[in-house]
Amino acid sequence: MKAFVATTGVAFGLLFLAHIARIFAEGAHLLTEPVFLATTVGSASICVWAIVILKQRK
């Protein structure tokens, strides 16, 4: 279970970083798109949640 949580956290962390890179590449107008904003916040939330779970299990 620990490996699954770590892998999921890394995957969603990379997705979040890709969204940040896309904002820098294409401009801040992406922040007005609700789906883009929701997936960015969602992926960051899941990444943080995975970190919290991993720290609790130690």
Protein backbone atom coordinates (compact mmCIF):
# COMPACT_ATOMS: atom_id res chain seq x y z
CA MET A 1 0.00 0.00 0.00
CA LYS A 2 2.87 2.35 0.78
CA ALA A 3 4.32 1.98 -2.73
CA PHE A 4 0.92 2.71 -4.27
CA VAL A 5 0.47 5.90 -2.25
CA ALA A 6 4.01 7.04 -3.08
CA THR A 7 3.57 6.32 -6.79
CA THR A 8 0.22 8.09 -6.88
CA GLY A 9 1.65 11.10 -5.03
CA VAL A 10 4.55 11.37 -7.47
CA ALA A 11 2.27 11.02 -10.49
CA PHE A 12 -0.09 13.76 -9.33
CA GLY A 13 2.85 15.92 -8.29
CA LEU A 14 4.24 15.66 -11.82
CA LEU A 15 0.83 16.53 -13.24
CA PHE A 16 0.73 19.61 -11.02
CA LEU A 17 4.21 20.64 -12.18
CA ALA A 18 3.16 20.16 -15.80
CA HIS A 19 0.22 22.48 -15.23
CA ILE A 20 2.49 25.12 -13.69
CA ALA A 21 4.87 24.80 -16.64
CA ARG A 22 1.94 25.19 -19.04
CA ILE A 23 0.86 28.39 -17.27
CA PHE A 24 4.36 29.82 -17.78
CA ALA A 25 4.46 28.67 -21.41
CA GLU A 26 0.97 29.76 -22.50
CA GLY A 27 0.15 32.58 -20.12
CA ALA A 28 -2.12 33.28 -17.18
CA HIS A 29 -5.28 33.16 -19.31
CA LEU A 30 -5.42 29.44 -18.44
CA LEU A 31 -6.41 30.39 -14.91
CA THR A 32 -9.77 31.54 -16.25
CA GLU A 33 -10.63 28.03 -17.50
CA PRO A 34 -12.55 26.18 -14.77
CA VAL A 35 -11.55 22.65 -15.85
CA PHE A 36 -7.85 23.55 -15.97
CA LEU A 37 -8.05 25.22 -12.60
CA ALA A 38 -9.96 22.31 -11.04
CA THR A 39 -7.51 19.70 -12.31
CA THR A 40 -4.55 21.78 -11.13
CA VAL A 41 -5.94 22.22 -7.63
CA GLY A 42 -7.12 18.60 -7.54
CA SER A 43 -3.75 17.18 -8.52
CA ALA A 44 -1.94 19.37 -5.98
CA SER A 45 -4.40 18.29 -3.29
CA ILE A 46 -3.93 14.59 -4.00
CA CYS A 47 -0.15 15.02 -3.99
CA VAL A 48 -0.23 16.74 -0.59
CA TRP A 49 -2.66 14.12 0.71
CA ALA A 50 -0.26 11.35 -0.32
CA ILE A 51 2.60 13.09 1.49
CA VAL A 52 0.49 13.37 4.65
CA ILE A 53 -0.48 9.69 4.48
CA LEU A 54 3.14 8.62 3.99
CA LYS A 55 4.30 10.70 6.96
CA GLN A 56 1.59 9.23 9.20
CA ARG A 57 2.56 5.66 8.34
CA LYS A 58 6.18 6.01 9.50
